[in-house]
Amino acid sequence: DKASICWSDFLILLASSPINEREISTGFVGHNKEKVRHQVKNIGDNTIKIILVERKNSEPISDSKETLILPEEVSPDVYKVLLENEDVKVLEVTFAPGQSDNMHQHGVMTIYGITGGKLQGTSPDGTVNENEVPNGFVGHRNTITTHQMKNIGDNTVKVILFEHKKLR
């Protein structure tokens, strides 16, 4: 499975047809659940920027149906759902300077930091960690994460978070 998000217009050529042109607008979020082979060609004048997340394992690791404390429910001012289906959830996460969220959980996730900054994470046991996250940061967690985050820097932090629902 693949999930992608892009910041420019581009053309997708699908393998099932000779040429299938689609203009995809800025901010598009998609999920290639059917694993359709395709080719992307830039037919515009702007540079294409695509974030592509590809799972190496498409099978569930376990049948766990644990209910998570969802960040978009407990902190809707920070977390915006861009795409959600039975396989993946893509969130846009924005922390203004001094802003924090509420304690929440994530399943297996991949993270892309659009705009980094200084973040403080608090675990349920009260442990506090500070991290300087650079622009373009990429990370992955294979376990359920429970935490509360706070932007302790001077600039707005923006992250795209891909949660892989069927992996636990």
Protein backbone atom coordinates (compact mmCIF):
# COMPACT_ATOMS: atom_id res chain seq x y z
CA ASP A 1 0.00 0.00 0.00
CA LYS A 2 1.13 3.52 -0.68
CA ALA A 3 -0.09 6.85 0.59
CA SER A 4 1.05 10.10 -0.93
CA ILE A 5 0.59 13.82 -0.57
CA CYS A 6 1.77 16.42 -3.03
CA TRP A 7 2.32 20.16 -3.28
CA SER A 8 2.10 20.77 -7.03
CA ASP A 9 0.14 19.83 -10.15
CA PHE A 10 1.22 16.72 -12.03
CA LEU A 11 0.02 14.01 -14.38
CA ILE A 12 -0.50 10.35 -13.48
CA LEU A 13 -0.19 7.70 -16.19
CA LEU A 14 -1.91 4.46 -15.19
CA ALA A 15 -0.53 1.14 -16.45
CA SER A 16 -4.03 -0.10 -17.33
CA SER A 17 -4.50 2.46 -20.11
CA PRO A 18 -2.27 3.98 -22.79
CA ILE A 19 -2.48 7.50 -21.32
CA ASN A 20 -4.81 8.57 -18.55
CA GLU A 21 -4.14 12.21 -17.76
CA ARG A 22 -5.25 13.54 -14.40
CA GLU A 23 -4.52 16.98 -13.11
CA ILE A 24 -3.89 16.67 -9.40
CA SER A 25 -4.18 19.90 -7.45
CA THR A 26 -1.92 21.18 -4.71
CA GLY A 27 -2.56 19.47 -1.38
CA PHE A 28 -3.89 16.22 -2.88
CA VAL A 29 -3.78 13.24 -0.52
CA GLY A 30 -4.28 9.75 -1.93
CA HIS A 31 -4.00 6.08 -1.09
CA ASN A 32 -3.17 3.43 -3.72
CA LYS A 33 -4.95 0.56 -1.97
CA GLU A 34 -5.38 -1.44 -5.19
CA LYS A 35 -1.62 -1.19 -5.86
CA VAL A 36 -2.23 0.04 -9.42
CA ARG A 37 1.04 0.40 -11.34
CA HIS A 38 1.46 3.92 -12.62
CA GLN A 39 3.93 6.45 -13.89
CA VAL A 40 3.98 10.11 -12.91
CA LYS A 41 5.08 12.73 -15.40
CA ASN A 42 5.28 16.45 -14.73
CA ILE A 43 3.55 18.23 -17.60
CA GLY A 44 3.45 21.60 -15.86
CA ASP A 45 5.95 24.36 -15.27
CA ASN A 46 6.36 23.90 -11.51
CA THR A 47 8.57 21.45 -9.63
CA ILE A 48 6.61 18.52 -8.19
CA LYS A 49 7.06 17.68 -4.51
CA ILE A 50 5.57 14.35 -3.46
CA ILE A 51 5.79 12.60 -0.11
CA LEU A 52 5.37 8.87 -0.74
CA VAL A 53 5.03 6.41 2.11
CA GLU A 54 5.25 2.75 1.14
CA ARG A 55 4.59 -0.07 3.58
CA LYS A 56 6.99 -2.97 3.21
CA ASN A 57 4.53 -5.34 4.92
CA SER A 58 0.93 -5.19 3.66
CA GLU A 59 -0.34 -7.85 6.06
CA PRO A 60 -1.51 -7.08 9.60
CA ILE A 61 1.13 -7.81 12.23
CA SER A 62 -1.58 -8.75 14.73
CA ASP A 63 -5.34 -8.83 15.07
CA SER A 64 -5.26 -6.31 17.93
CA LYS A 65 -8.34 -4.10 17.99
CA GLU A 66 -7.11 -1.87 20.81
CA THR A 67 -8.99 1.41 20.97
CA LEU A 68 -6.61 4.36 20.85
CA ILE A 69 -7.00 7.87 22.28
CA LEU A 70 -7.22 9.65 18.91
CA PRO A 71 -5.29 12.92 18.59
CA GLU A 72 -7.82 14.48 16.20
CA GLU A 73 -10.56 13.91 18.79
CA VAL A 74 -8.75 15.20 21.89
CA SER A 75 -6.85 18.04 20.10
CA PRO A 76 -8.80 19.03 16.95
CA ASP A 77 -7.10 22.44 16.91
CA VAL A 78 -3.74 20.69 16.25
CA TYR A 79 -4.67 17.59 14.18
CA LYS A 80 -6.56 17.72 10.87
CA VAL A 81 -7.48 14.46 9.10
CA LEU A 82 -6.56 14.76 5.41
CA LEU A 83 -7.41 11.18 4.41
CA GLU A 84 -8.82 8.20 6.27
CA ASN A 85 -9.87 4.74 5.18
CA GLU A 86 -9.63 1.23 6.65
CA ASP A 87 -5.86 1.03 5.93
CA VAL A 88 -4.37 4.44 6.59
CA LYS A 89 -5.01 7.80 8.22
CA VAL A 90 -3.08 10.89 7.10
CA LEU A 91 -2.99 13.82 9.53
CA GLU A 92 -1.74 17.37 9.13
CA VAL A 93 -0.32 18.42 12.49
CA THR A 94 0.26 22.12 13.26
CA PHE A 95 1.67 23.50 16.52
CA ALA A 96 1.88 27.27 16.91
CA PRO A 97 4.60 28.54 19.28
CA GLY A 98 3.61 27.62 22.86
CA GLN A 99 0.76 25.37 21.70
CA SER A 100 0.34 21.86 23.10
CA ASP A 101 -2.02 19.00 22.52
CA ASN A 102 -3.67 16.63 24.98
CA MET A 103 -2.39 13.17 25.90
CA HIS A 104 -3.16 10.84 22.99
CA GLN A 105 -1.99 7.74 21.14
CA HIS A 106 -0.76 6.79 17.68
CA GLY A 107 -0.52 3.33 16.15
CA VAL A 108 2.34 2.41 13.81
CA MET A 109 3.21 5.68 12.08
CA THR A 110 5.51 7.40 9.62
CA ILE A 111 6.24 11.11 10.15
CA TYR A 112 7.39 13.85 7.77
CA GLY A 113 8.30 17.23 9.25
CA ILE A 114 7.49 20.01 6.80
CA THR A 115 8.59 22.76 9.20
CA GLY A 116 10.61 21.71 12.20
CA GLY A 117 11.15 23.34 15.56
CA LYS A 118 11.70 22.64 19.23
CA LEU A 119 9.21 20.16 20.70
CA GLN A 120 8.68 18.84 24.20
CA GLY A 121 7.17 15.38 24.63
CA THR A 122 5.63 14.14 27.86
CA SER A 123 4.99 10.43 28.47
CA PRO A 124 2.12 9.12 30.64
CA ASP A 125 4.60 8.50 33.50
CA GLY A 126 5.61 12.19 33.48
CA THR A 127 8.96 11.75 31.69
CA VAL A 128 9.73 14.86 29.62
CA ASN A 129 12.00 14.94 26.55
CA GLU A 130 12.95 17.90 24.36
CA ASN A 131 13.84 17.50 20.69
CA GLU A 132 15.00 19.94 18.04
CA VAL A 133 13.27 18.65 14.90
CA PRO A 134 14.79 19.87 11.60
CA ASN A 135 12.81 20.80 8.48
CA GLY A 136 12.34 17.67 6.36
CA PHE A 137 12.66 15.29 9.32
CA VAL A 138 11.47 11.75 8.55
CA GLY A 139 10.75 9.16 11.23
CA HIS A 140 8.93 5.90 11.84
CA ARG A 141 7.58 4.16 14.96
CA ASN A 142 6.66 0.47 15.02
CA THR A 143 4.77 0.56 18.31
CA ILE A 144 1.81 2.33 19.85
CA THR A 145 2.97 5.73 21.11
CA THR A 146 1.27 7.55 23.99
CA HIS A 147 2.36 11.14 24.60
CA GLN A 148 1.54 14.83 24.84
CA MET A 149 3.49 17.29 22.68
CA LYS A 150 4.21 21.00 23.08
CA ASN A 151 5.92 23.47 20.76
CA ILE A 152 8.47 25.21 22.99
CA GLY A 153 10.15 27.02 20.10
CA ASP A 154 9.55 30.34 18.36
CA ASN A 155 8.15 29.12 15.03
CA THR A 156 5.11 27.09 13.93
CA VAL A 157 5.85 23.36 13.56
CA LYS A 158 4.02 21.49 10.76
CA VAL A 159 4.12 17.71 10.33
CA ILE A 160 2.38 15.18 8.08
CA LEU A 161 1.70 11.97 9.98
CA PHE A 162 0.78 8.66 8.31
CA GLU A 163 -0.84 6.13 10.63
CA HIS A 164 -0.87 2.54 9.34
CA LYS A 165 -4.11 1.22 10.81
CA LYS A 166 -3.72 -2.49 10.19
CA LEU A 167 -0.24 -2.67 11.67
CA ARG A 168 0.11 -2.94 15.45
